């Protein structure tokens, strides 16, 4: 099993309970990859972390799990960056927000979509079990509906919300000068089929819309940070977008023809795209999600 797949499994399984998110992560390494002057990505166990740093302070995009906060802070210092001043959550899932309480108590200003705070502030029932409400220090203190802009470290950082997709509170972060985009779990690069959390208001059609938004921001030199998996190019994201669109079209057509879910799965509409069909989100599980979304009433 590849390291990205292991990290993804750790991430999603940890959604099942806060206790699981506190599992022993003593052997997890936080590795940094420089993407542009003052912009980097950190890989560990959980969602990929974006880092923007410079004279105006350090901005963190997502923060993995609470037990990893010290290692993340060490990795940030290793970049020559100051302690985190601002923290943006791309969505509410624990593998992207688990360190919020630690960073919030350390003085970071946490920002996210309105629905991220709503979900984190109350108990949530998910397909992975019940998630208890987060403590006050972990909650975003600045929220938005459409997005916001940060003018820091010599560039404009745009935070763009999208219609319900992975969840109902997803954001894309775009460093306009450095030409870097962080997509959170709107994009899984090569490690699994899309995870659409319908219990959190997600909609597979929104994944396509989100990809289109990011593609409109990108050019051939753009570096794209997925929620999980290696850093990608515009061409990689375009292939992902086209894959999702094609699978949705195939399943929707079959559903309109009156085919049952079993019949649609037997057609294997998600095969042939170069994604492991037995990953965390298997081909069949993704087809089930799509079918439940597009089937006629």
C-alpha atoms as a PDB file:
ATOM      1  CA  UNK A   1       0.000   0.000   0.000  1.00  0.00           C
ATOM      2  CA  UNK A   2       1.419   3.384  -0.971  1.00  0.00           C
ATOM      3  CA  UNK A   3       2.185   6.092   1.585  1.00  0.00           C
ATOM      4  CA  UNK A   4      -0.453   8.475   0.127  1.00  0.00           C
ATOM      5  CA  UNK A   5      -3.064   5.703   0.413  1.00  0.00           C
ATOM      6  CA  UNK A   6      -2.061   4.988   4.012  1.00  0.00           C
ATOM      7  CA  UNK A   7      -2.312   8.691   4.832  1.00  0.00           C
ATOM      8  CA  UNK A   8      -5.740   8.855   3.230  1.00  0.00           C
ATOM      9  CA  UNK A   9      -6.947   5.850   5.187  1.00  0.00           C
ATOM     10  CA  UNK A  10      -5.709   7.387   8.417  1.00  0.00           C
ATOM     11  CA  UNK A  11      -7.482  10.599   7.516  1.00  0.00           C
ATOM     12  CA  UNK A  12     -10.876   9.193   6.698  1.00  0.00           C
ATOM     13  CA  UNK A  13     -10.943   6.523   9.404  1.00  0.00           C
ATOM     14  CA  UNK A  14     -10.209   9.260  11.931  1.00  0.00           C
ATOM     15  CA  UNK A  15     -13.510  10.879  11.045  1.00  0.00           C
ATOM     16  CA  UNK A  16     -15.206   8.023  12.892  1.00  0.00           C
ATOM     17  CA  UNK A  17     -14.474   9.504  16.321  1.00  0.00           C
ATOM     18  CA  UNK A  18     -12.421  12.148  18.023  1.00  0.00           C
ATOM     19  CA  UNK A  19     -10.690   9.403  19.986  1.00  0.00           C
ATOM     20  CA  UNK A  20      -9.413   7.787  16.823  1.00  0.00           C
ATOM     21  CA  UNK A  21      -8.008  11.126  15.739  1.00  0.00           C
ATOM     22  CA  UNK A  22      -5.851  10.961  18.862  1.00  0.00           C
ATOM     23  CA  UNK A  23      -4.207   7.710  17.774  1.00  0.00           C
ATOM     24  CA  UNK A  24      -0.450   7.282  18.130  1.00  0.00           C
ATOM     25  CA  UNK A  25       1.159   9.310  15.367  1.00  0.00           C
ATOM     26  CA  UNK A  26       4.646   9.372  16.846  1.00  0.00           C
ATOM     27  CA  UNK A  27       6.125   7.876  13.695  1.00  0.00           C
ATOM     28  CA  UNK A  28       4.445  10.273  11.265  1.00  0.00           C
ATOM     29  CA  UNK A  29       6.882  12.555   9.462  1.00  0.00           C
ATOM     30  CA  UNK A  30       5.880  16.003   8.268  1.00  0.00           C
ATOM     31  CA  UNK A  31       7.622  16.666   4.976  1.00  0.00           C
ATOM     32  CA  UNK A  32       7.780  20.055   3.271  1.00  0.00           C
ATOM     33  CA  UNK A  33       7.841  20.785  -0.448  1.00  0.00           C
ATOM     34  CA  UNK A  34       8.603  24.328  -1.608  1.00  0.00           C
ATOM     35  CA  UNK A  35       6.240  25.465  -4.355  1.00  0.00           C
ATOM     36  CA  UNK A  36       7.209  29.129  -4.734  1.00  0.00           C
ATOM     37  CA  UNK A  37       9.103  31.722  -2.674  1.00  0.00           C
ATOM     38  CA  UNK A  38       7.138  31.933   0.585  1.00  0.00           C
ATOM     39  CA  UNK A  39       4.693  29.154  -0.330  1.00  0.00           C
ATOM     40  CA  UNK A  40       5.021  25.458   0.565  1.00  0.00           C
ATOM     41  CA  UNK A  41       2.989  22.318   1.139  1.00  0.00           C
ATOM     42  CA  UNK A  42       3.344  19.970   4.107  1.00  0.00           C
ATOM     43  CA  UNK A  43       2.587  16.250   3.832  1.00  0.00           C
ATOM     44  CA  UNK A  44       1.920  14.075   6.873  1.00  0.00           C
ATOM     45  CA  UNK A  45      -1.112  12.059   8.008  1.00  0.00           C
ATOM     46  CA  UNK A  46      -4.237  13.910   7.015  1.00  0.00           C
ATOM     47  CA  UNK A  47      -5.104  16.554   4.496  1.00  0.00           C
ATOM     48  CA  UNK A  48      -2.257  18.300   2.731  1.00  0.00           C
ATOM     49  CA  UNK A  49      -1.321  21.589   4.413  1.00  0.00           C
ATOM     50  CA  UNK A  50      -0.598  24.817   2.551  1.00  0.00           C
ATOM     51  CA  UNK A  51       1.792  27.357   4.079  1.00  0.00           C
ATOM     52  CA  UNK A  52       2.243  31.003   3.093  1.00  0.00           C
ATOM     53  CA  UNK A  53       4.891  32.937   4.995  1.00  0.00           C
ATOM     54  CA  UNK A  54       6.767  36.207   4.940  1.00  0.00           C
ATOM     55  CA  UNK A  55       7.023  39.574   6.641  1.00  0.00           C
ATOM     56  CA  UNK A  56       3.272  39.781   7.346  1.00  0.00           C
ATOM     57  CA  UNK A  57       3.124  36.450   9.135  1.00  0.00           C
ATOM     58  CA  UNK A  58       2.387  32.806   8.425  1.00  0.00           C
ATOM     59  CA  UNK A  59      -0.890  31.602   6.922  1.00  0.00           C
ATOM     60  CA  UNK A  60      -1.754  27.908   7.289  1.00  0.00           C
ATOM     61  CA  UNK A  61      -4.295  26.083   5.122  1.00  0.00           C
ATOM     62  CA  UNK A  62      -5.654  23.141   7.155  1.00  0.00           C
ATOM     63  CA  UNK A  63      -3.817  21.488  10.047  1.00  0.00           C
ATOM     64  CA  UNK A  64      -4.285  17.688  10.067  1.00  0.00           C
ATOM     65  CA  UNK A  65      -4.607  16.056  13.537  1.00  0.00           C
ATOM     66  CA  UNK A  66      -4.043  17.481  17.015  1.00  0.00           C
ATOM     67  CA  UNK A  67      -1.177  15.097  17.931  1.00  0.00           C
ATOM     68  CA  UNK A  68       0.776  16.398  14.939  1.00  0.00           C
ATOM     69  CA  UNK A  69       0.654  20.090  15.839  1.00  0.00           C
ATOM     70  CA  UNK A  70       4.146  20.140  17.348  1.00  0.00           C
ATOM     71  CA  UNK A  71       5.628  18.437  14.305  1.00  0.00           C
ATOM     72  CA  UNK A  72       3.782  20.816  12.002  1.00  0.00           C
ATOM     73  CA  UNK A  73       5.091  23.807  13.961  1.00  0.00           C
ATOM     74  CA  UNK A  74       8.616  22.412  13.707  1.00  0.00           C
ATOM     75  CA  UNK A  75       8.240  21.970   9.943  1.00  0.00           C
ATOM     76  CA  UNK A  76       6.980  25.541   9.628  1.00  0.00           C
ATOM     77  CA  UNK A  77       9.969  26.830  11.588  1.00  0.00           C
ATOM     78  CA  UNK A  78      12.192  24.775   9.294  1.00  0.00           C
ATOM     79  CA  UNK A  79      10.919  26.828   6.377  1.00  0.00           C
ATOM     80  CA  UNK A  80      12.171  29.949   8.142  1.00  0.00           C
ATOM     81  CA  UNK A  81       8.593  31.000   8.892  1.00  0.00           C
ATOM     82  CA  UNK A  82       7.195  32.608  12.019  1.00  0.00           C
ATOM     83  CA  UNK A  83       4.479  30.922  14.143  1.00  0.00           C
ATOM     84  CA  UNK A  84       1.055  30.637  12.512  1.00  0.00           C
ATOM     85  CA  UNK A  85      -0.883  33.901  12.542  1.00  0.00           C
ATOM     86  CA  UNK A  86      -3.817  32.945  10.312  1.00  0.00           C
ATOM     87  CA  UNK A  87      -5.446  29.544   9.695  1.00  0.00           C
ATOM     88  CA  UNK A  88      -7.910  28.763   6.905  1.00  0.00           C
ATOM     89  CA  UNK A  89      -9.927  25.535   6.890  1.00  0.00           C
ATOM     90  CA  UNK A  90     -10.926  24.246   3.448  1.00  0.00           C
ATOM     91  CA  UNK A  91     -13.817  22.295   5.069  1.00  0.00           C
ATOM     92  CA  UNK A  92     -14.817  20.844   8.439  1.00  0.00           C
ATOM     93  CA  UNK A  93     -13.502  17.245   8.414  1.00  0.00           C
ATOM     94  CA  UNK A  94     -11.219  16.311  11.295  1.00  0.00           C
ATOM     95  CA  UNK A  95      -8.211  15.369   9.187  1.00  0.00           C
ATOM     96  CA  UNK A  96      -8.134  19.023   8.067  1.00  0.00           C
ATOM     97  CA  UNK A  97      -9.246  20.733  11.300  1.00  0.00           C
ATOM     98  CA  UNK A  98      -7.933  18.446  14.051  1.00  0.00           C
ATOM     99  CA  UNK A  99      -5.191  20.884  15.021  1.00  0.00           C
ATOM    100  CA  UNK A 100      -7.516  23.901  15.198  1.00  0.00           C
ATOM    101  CA  UNK A 101      -7.776  23.959  18.979  1.00  0.00           C
ATOM    102  CA  UNK A 102      -4.011  23.900  19.395  1.00  0.00           C
ATOM    103  CA  UNK A 103      -3.391  26.638  16.845  1.00  0.00           C
ATOM    104  CA  UNK A 104      -6.337  28.683  18.102  1.00  0.00           C
ATOM    105  CA  UNK A 105      -4.999  28.583  21.666  1.00  0.00           C
ATOM    106  CA  UNK A 106      -1.581  29.596  20.313  1.00  0.00           C
ATOM    107  CA  UNK A 107      -3.118  32.754  18.880  1.00  0.00           C
ATOM    108  CA  UNK A 108      -3.965  31.881  15.265  1.00  0.00           C
ATOM    109  CA  UNK A 109      -7.022  33.576  13.760  1.00  0.00           C
ATOM    110  CA  UNK A 110      -9.141  30.790  12.238  1.00  0.00           C
ATOM    111  CA  UNK A 111     -11.187  31.431   9.096  1.00  0.00           C
ATOM    112  CA  UNK A 112     -13.590  29.206   7.148  1.00  0.00           C
ATOM    113  CA  UNK A 113     -16.902  29.032   5.312  1.00  0.00           C
ATOM    114  CA  UNK A 114     -20.003  29.707   7.418  1.00  0.00           C
ATOM    115  CA  UNK A 115     -21.025  26.049   7.286  1.00  0.00           C
ATOM    116  CA  UNK A 116     -17.663  24.893   8.635  1.00  0.00           C
ATOM    117  CA  UNK A 117     -18.305  26.712  11.894  1.00  0.00           C
ATOM    118  CA  UNK A 118     -21.919  25.490  11.980  1.00  0.00           C
ATOM    119  CA  UNK A 119     -20.870  21.856  11.626  1.00  0.00           C
ATOM    120  CA  UNK A 120     -17.894  22.083  13.977  1.00  0.00           C
ATOM    121  CA  UNK A 121     -19.972  23.834  16.641  1.00  0.00           C
ATOM    122  CA  UNK A 122     -22.536  21.022  16.861  1.00  0.00           C
ATOM    123  CA  UNK A 123     -22.574  17.222  17.015  1.00  0.00           C
ATOM    124  CA  UNK A 124     -22.558  15.666  13.551  1.00  0.00           C
ATOM    125  CA  UNK A 125     -23.850  12.280  12.464  1.00  0.00           C
ATOM    126  CA  UNK A 126     -21.847  10.907   9.560  1.00  0.00           C
ATOM    127  CA  UNK A 127     -21.381   7.615   7.756  1.00  0.00           C
ATOM    128  CA  UNK A 128     -18.319   7.138   9.969  1.00  0.00           C
ATOM    129  CA  UNK A 129     -20.152   7.626  13.233  1.00  0.00           C
ATOM    130  CA  UNK A 130     -21.034  10.597  15.421  1.00  0.00           C
ATOM    131  CA  UNK A 131     -18.562  13.460  15.662  1.00  0.00           C
ATOM    132  CA  UNK A 132     -18.805  15.551  18.813  1.00  0.00           C
ATOM    133  CA  UNK A 133     -18.838  19.334  18.648  1.00  0.00           C
ATOM    134  CA  UNK A 134     -15.433  20.991  18.700  1.00  0.00           C
ATOM    135  CA  UNK A 135     -14.326  23.182  21.624  1.00  0.00           C
ATOM    136  CA  UNK A 136     -14.622  26.943  21.284  1.00  0.00           C
ATOM    137  CA  UNK A 137     -10.905  27.449  20.641  1.00  0.00           C
ATOM    138  CA  UNK A 138     -11.131  25.226  17.543  1.00  0.00           C
ATOM    139  CA  UNK A 139     -13.937  27.141  15.876  1.00  0.00           C
ATOM    140  CA  UNK A 140     -13.438  29.648  13.040  1.00  0.00           C
ATOM    141  CA  UNK A 141     -13.793  33.196  14.332  1.00  0.00           C
ATOM    142  CA  UNK A 142     -14.057  34.743  10.861  1.00  0.00           C
ATOM    143  CA  UNK A 143     -16.546  33.125   8.481  1.00  0.00           C
ATOM    144  CA  UNK A 144     -17.820  33.934   5.023  1.00  0.00           C
ATOM    145  CA  UNK A 145     -20.418  32.838   2.493  1.00  0.00           C
ATOM    146  CA  UNK A 146     -18.812  33.740  -0.837  1.00  0.00           C
ATOM    147  CA  UNK A 147     -15.139  34.053   0.062  1.00  0.00           C
ATOM    148  CA  UNK A 148     -12.562  36.623   1.093  1.00  0.00           C
ATOM    149  CA  UNK A 149      -9.188  38.100   0.163  1.00  0.00           C
ATOM    150  CA  UNK A 150      -6.034  38.357   2.237  1.00  0.00           C
ATOM    151  CA  UNK A 151      -3.378  40.885   1.279  1.00  0.00           C
ATOM    152  CA  UNK A 152      -0.321  39.391   2.931  1.00  0.00           C
ATOM    153  CA  UNK A 153       3.313  38.639   2.193  1.00  0.00           C
ATOM    154  CA  UNK A 154       3.366  40.597  -1.028  1.00  0.00           C
ATOM    155  CA  UNK A 155       0.423  39.004  -2.755  1.00  0.00           C
ATOM    156  CA  UNK A 156      -3.334  38.625  -2.839  1.00  0.00           C
ATOM    157  CA  UNK A 157      -4.612  35.351  -1.472  1.00  0.00           C
ATOM    158  CA  UNK A 158      -8.134  34.619  -2.648  1.00  0.00           C
ATOM    159  CA  UNK A 159     -10.375  32.267  -0.708  1.00  0.00           C
ATOM    160  CA  UNK A 160     -13.234  31.157  -2.952  1.00  0.00           C
ATOM    161  CA  UNK A 161     -16.278  29.208  -1.786  1.00  0.00           C
ATOM    162  CA  UNK A 162     -18.058  26.789  -4.106  1.00  0.00           C
ATOM    163  CA  UNK A 163     -21.524  25.202  -4.249  1.00  0.00           C
ATOM    164  CA  UNK A 164     -21.955  22.011  -2.197  1.00  0.00           C
ATOM    165  CA  UNK A 165     -19.393  19.507  -3.445  1.00  0.00           C
ATOM    166  CA  UNK A 166     -17.211  17.439  -1.080  1.00  0.00           C
ATOM    167  CA  UNK A 167     -19.272  19.057   1.728  1.00  0.00           C
ATOM    168  CA  UNK A 168     -21.493  22.120   1.969  1.00  0.00           C
ATOM    169  CA  UNK A 169     -18.621  24.312   3.200  1.00  0.00           C
ATOM    170  CA  UNK A 170     -15.703  23.847   0.795  1.00  0.00           C
ATOM    171  CA  UNK A 171     -13.202  26.539  -0.162  1.00  0.00           C
ATOM    172  CA  UNK A 172     -10.461  26.914  -2.764  1.00  0.00           C
ATOM    173  CA  UNK A 173      -7.404  28.996  -1.821  1.00  0.00           C
ATOM    174  CA  UNK A 174      -5.518  30.770  -4.613  1.00  0.00           C
ATOM    175  CA  UNK A 175      -2.152  32.491  -4.243  1.00  0.00           C
ATOM    176  CA  UNK A 176      -2.427  34.786  -7.247  1.00  0.00           C
ATOM    177  CA  UNK A 177       1.204  35.899  -7.480  1.00  0.00           C
ATOM    178  CA  UNK A 178       2.812  32.585  -6.601  1.00  0.00           C
ATOM    179  CA  UNK A 179       0.386  30.749  -8.915  1.00  0.00           C
ATOM    180  CA  UNK A 180      -0.530  28.067  -6.379  1.00  0.00           C
ATOM    181  CA  UNK A 181      -4.007  26.681  -5.680  1.00  0.00           C
ATOM    182  CA  UNK A 182      -5.093  24.601  -2.661  1.00  0.00           C
ATOM    183  CA  UNK A 183      -8.304  22.650  -3.292  1.00  0.00           C
ATOM    184  CA  UNK A 184      -8.821  20.720  -0.087  1.00  0.00           C
ATOM    185  CA  UNK A 185     -10.865  17.571  -0.626  1.00  0.00           C
ATOM    186  CA  UNK A 186     -12.500  18.952  -3.731  1.00  0.00           C
ATOM    187  CA  UNK A 187      -9.630  17.110  -5.420  1.00  0.00           C
ATOM    188  CA  UNK A 188      -7.998  13.757  -4.641  1.00  0.00           C
ATOM    189  CA  UNK A 189      -4.965  13.263  -6.860  1.00  0.00           C
ATOM    190  CA  UNK A 190      -4.362   9.634  -7.875  1.00  0.00           C
ATOM    191  CA  UNK A 191      -5.125   8.064  -4.478  1.00  0.00           C
ATOM    192  CA  UNK A 192      -8.850   7.295  -4.633  1.00  0.00           C
ATOM    193  CA  UNK A 193     -12.126   8.125  -6.332  1.00  0.00           C
ATOM    194  CA  UNK A 194     -13.806  11.297  -5.024  1.00  0.00           C
ATOM    195  CA  UNK A 195     -15.230  11.276  -1.529  1.00  0.00           C
ATOM    196  CA  UNK A 196     -18.558  13.088  -1.593  1.00  0.00           C
ATOM    197  CA  UNK A 197     -19.870  13.437   1.953  1.00  0.00           C
ATOM    198  CA  UNK A 198     -23.599  13.550   1.285  1.00  0.00           C
ATOM    199  CA  UNK A 199     -24.229  13.539   5.034  1.00  0.00           C
ATOM    200  CA  UNK A 200     -22.442  16.898   5.150  1.00  0.00           C
ATOM    201  CA  UNK A 201     -24.403  18.321   2.242  1.00  0.00           C
ATOM    202  CA  UNK A 202     -21.966  17.200  -0.454  1.00  0.00           C
ATOM    203  CA  UNK A 203     -23.006  16.830  -4.099  1.00  0.00           C
ATOM    204  CA  UNK A 204     -20.930  15.173  -6.806  1.00  0.00           C
ATOM    205  CA  UNK A 205     -22.094  17.736  -9.367  1.00  0.00           C
ATOM    206  CA  UNK A 206     -20.507  20.414  -7.237  1.00  0.00           C
ATOM    207  CA  UNK A 207     -17.153  18.633  -7.552  1.00  0.00           C
ATOM    208  CA  UNK A 208     -17.291  19.310 -11.291  1.00  0.00           C
ATOM    209  CA  UNK A 209     -18.240  22.964 -10.729  1.00  0.00           C
ATOM    210  CA  UNK A 210     -15.397  23.382  -8.229  1.00  0.00           C
ATOM    211  CA  UNK A 211     -12.895  21.885 -10.645  1.00  0.00           C
ATOM    212  CA  UNK A 212     -14.098  24.253 -13.348  1.00  0.00           C
ATOM    213  CA  UNK A 213     -13.602  27.203 -11.006  1.00  0.00           C
ATOM    214  CA  UNK A 214     -10.061  26.143 -10.211  1.00  0.00           C
ATOM    215  CA  UNK A 215      -9.251  25.434 -13.849  1.00  0.00           C
ATOM    216  CA  UNK A 216     -10.364  28.959 -14.742  1.00  0.00           C
ATOM    217  CA  UNK A 217      -7.821  30.310 -12.236  1.00  0.00           C
ATOM    218  CA  UNK A 218      -4.990  28.078 -13.429  1.00  0.00           C
ATOM    219  CA  UNK A 219      -2.498  28.043 -16.279  1.00  0.00           C
ATOM    220  CA  UNK A 220       0.029  25.449 -17.372  1.00  0.00           C
ATOM    221  CA  UNK A 221       2.515  26.589 -14.721  1.00  0.00           C
ATOM    222  CA  UNK A 222       0.073  26.472 -11.775  1.00  0.00           C
ATOM    223  CA  UNK A 223       0.871  24.132  -8.909  1.00  0.00           C
ATOM    224  CA  UNK A 224      -2.265  22.594  -7.446  1.00  0.00           C
ATOM    225  CA  UNK A 225      -2.366  21.175  -3.916  1.00  0.00           C
ATOM    226  CA  UNK A 226      -5.017  18.446  -3.631  1.00  0.00           C
ATOM    227  CA  UNK A 227      -6.591  17.450  -0.338  1.00  0.00           C
ATOM    228  CA  UNK A 228      -4.725  14.172  -0.608  1.00  0.00           C
ATOM    229  CA  UNK A 229      -2.051  12.963  -3.000  1.00  0.00           C
ATOM    230  CA  UNK A 230       0.912  14.635  -4.719  1.00  0.00           C
ATOM    231  CA  UNK A 231       1.015  18.196  -6.006  1.00  0.00           C
ATOM    232  CA  UNK A 232      -0.693  18.372  -9.400  1.00  0.00           C
ATOM    233  CA  UNK A 233      -0.803  20.373 -12.618  1.00  0.00           C
ATOM    234  CA  UNK A 234      -3.704  21.946 -14.478  1.00  0.00           C
ATOM    235  CA  UNK A 235      -3.660  18.976 -16.845  1.00  0.00           C
ATOM    236  CA  UNK A 236      -3.979  16.584 -13.885  1.00  0.00           C
ATOM    237  CA  UNK A 237      -6.968  18.492 -12.524  1.00  0.00           C
ATOM    238  CA  UNK A 238      -8.567  18.651 -15.977  1.00  0.00           C
ATOM    239  CA  UNK A 239      -8.286  14.863 -16.284  1.00  0.00           C
ATOM    240  CA  UNK A 240      -9.877  14.474 -12.829  1.00  0.00           C
ATOM    241  CA  UNK A 241     -12.702  16.840 -13.725  1.00  0.00           C
ATOM    242  CA  UNK A 242     -13.372  15.035 -17.005  1.00  0.00           C
ATOM    243  CA  UNK A 243     -13.343  11.663 -15.228  1.00  0.00           C
ATOM    244  CA  UNK A 244     -15.948  12.768 -12.687  1.00  0.00           C
ATOM    245  CA  UNK A 245     -18.087  14.359 -15.398  1.00  0.00           C
ATOM    246  CA  UNK A 246     -17.960  11.258 -17.580  1.00  0.00           C
ATOM    247  CA  UNK A 247     -18.850   8.909 -14.727  1.00  0.00           C
ATOM    248  CA  UNK A 248     -21.764  11.122 -13.713  1.00  0.00           C
ATOM    249  CA  UNK A 249     -22.980  11.206 -17.344  1.00  0.00           C
ATOM    250  CA  UNK A 250     -22.745   7.423 -17.688  1.00  0.00           C
ATOM    251  CA  UNK A 251     -24.559   6.741 -14.431  1.00  0.00           C
ATOM    252  CA  UNK A 252     -27.215   9.396 -15.043  1.00  0.00           C
ATOM    253  CA  UNK A 253     -27.958   8.025 -18.519  1.00  0.00           C
ATOM    254  CA  UNK A 254     -28.301   4.496 -17.179  1.00  0.00           C
ATOM    255  CA  UNK A 255     -30.507   5.640 -14.292  1.00  0.00           C
ATOM    256  CA  UNK A 256     -32.822   7.506 -16.663  1.00  0.00           C
ATOM    257  CA  UNK A 257     -33.100   4.316 -18.715  1.00  0.00           C
ATOM    258  CA  UNK A 258     -34.481   2.641 -15.612  1.00  0.00           C
ATOM    259  CA  UNK A 259     -31.455   0.543 -14.721  1.00  0.00           C
ATOM    260  CA  UNK A 260     -31.133  -0.493 -11.099  1.00  0.00           C
ATOM    261  CA  UNK A 261     -28.066   0.306  -9.024  1.00  0.00           C
ATOM    262  CA  UNK A 262     -26.905  -3.301  -9.353  1.00  0.00           C
ATOM    263  CA  UNK A 263     -27.221  -3.088 -13.125  1.00  0.00           C
ATOM    264  CA  UNK A 264     -25.331   0.202 -13.240  1.00  0.00           C
ATOM    265  CA  UNK A 265     -22.516  -1.167 -11.073  1.00  0.00           C
ATOM    266  CA  UNK A 266     -22.281  -4.197 -13.356  1.00  0.00           C
ATOM    267  CA  UNK A 267     -21.602  -1.792 -16.242  1.00  0.00           C
ATOM    268  CA  UNK A 268     -18.443  -0.642 -14.388  1.00  0.00           C
ATOM    269  CA  UNK A 269     -18.836   3.016 -15.410  1.00  0.00           C
ATOM    270  CA  UNK A 270     -15.860   4.105 -13.262  1.00  0.00           C
ATOM    271  CA  UNK A 271     -13.352   1.721 -14.787  1.00  0.00           C
ATOM    272  CA  UNK A 272     -10.661   2.772 -17.236  1.00  0.00           C
ATOM    273  CA  UNK A 273      -9.608   6.077 -15.681  1.00  0.00           C
ATOM    274  CA  UNK A 274      -6.361   4.939 -14.106  1.00  0.00           C
ATOM    275  CA  UNK A 275      -7.654   5.151 -10.531  1.00  0.00           C
ATOM    276  CA  UNK A 276      -7.346   2.072  -8.329  1.00  0.00           C
ATOM    277  CA  UNK A 277     -10.853   0.622  -8.242  1.00  0.00           C
ATOM    278  CA  UNK A 278     -10.222  -0.809  -4.760  1.00  0.00           C
ATOM    279  CA  UNK A 279      -8.967   2.392  -3.107  1.00  0.00           C
ATOM    280  CA  UNK A 280     -10.610   3.832   0.013  1.00  0.00           C
ATOM    281  CA  UNK A 281     -13.471   5.156  -2.101  1.00  0.00           C
ATOM    282  CA  UNK A 282     -13.853   2.188  -4.395  1.00  0.00           C
ATOM    283  CA  UNK A 283     -15.250   2.421  -7.901  1.00  0.00           C
ATOM    284  CA  UNK A 284     -18.460   0.768  -6.713  1.00  0.00           C
ATOM    285  CA  UNK A 285     -18.825   3.073  -3.745  1.00  0.00           C
ATOM    286  CA  UNK A 286     -18.376   6.140  -5.919  1.00  0.00           C
ATOM    287  CA  UNK A 287     -20.937   4.799  -8.406  1.00  0.00           C
ATOM    288  CA  UNK A 288     -23.358   4.279  -5.511  1.00  0.00           C
ATOM    289  CA  UNK A 289     -22.893   7.920  -4.492  1.00  0.00           C
ATOM    290  CA  UNK A 290     -23.439   9.165  -8.024  1.00  0.00           C
ATOM    291  CA  UNK A 291     -26.484   6.959  -8.538  1.00  0.00           C
ATOM    292  CA  UNK A 292     -28.090   8.165  -5.315  1.00  0.00           C
ATOM    293  CA  UNK A 293     -27.581  11.741  -6.498  1.00  0.00           C
ATOM    294  CA  UNK A 294     -28.837  11.510 -10.074  1.00  0.00           C
ATOM    295  CA  UNK A 295     -31.485   8.768 -10.041  1.00  0.00           C
ATOM    296  CA  UNK A 296     -34.958   9.947 -11.091  1.00  0.00           C
ATOM    297  CA  UNK A 297     -37.459  10.470  -8.278  1.00  0.00           C
END
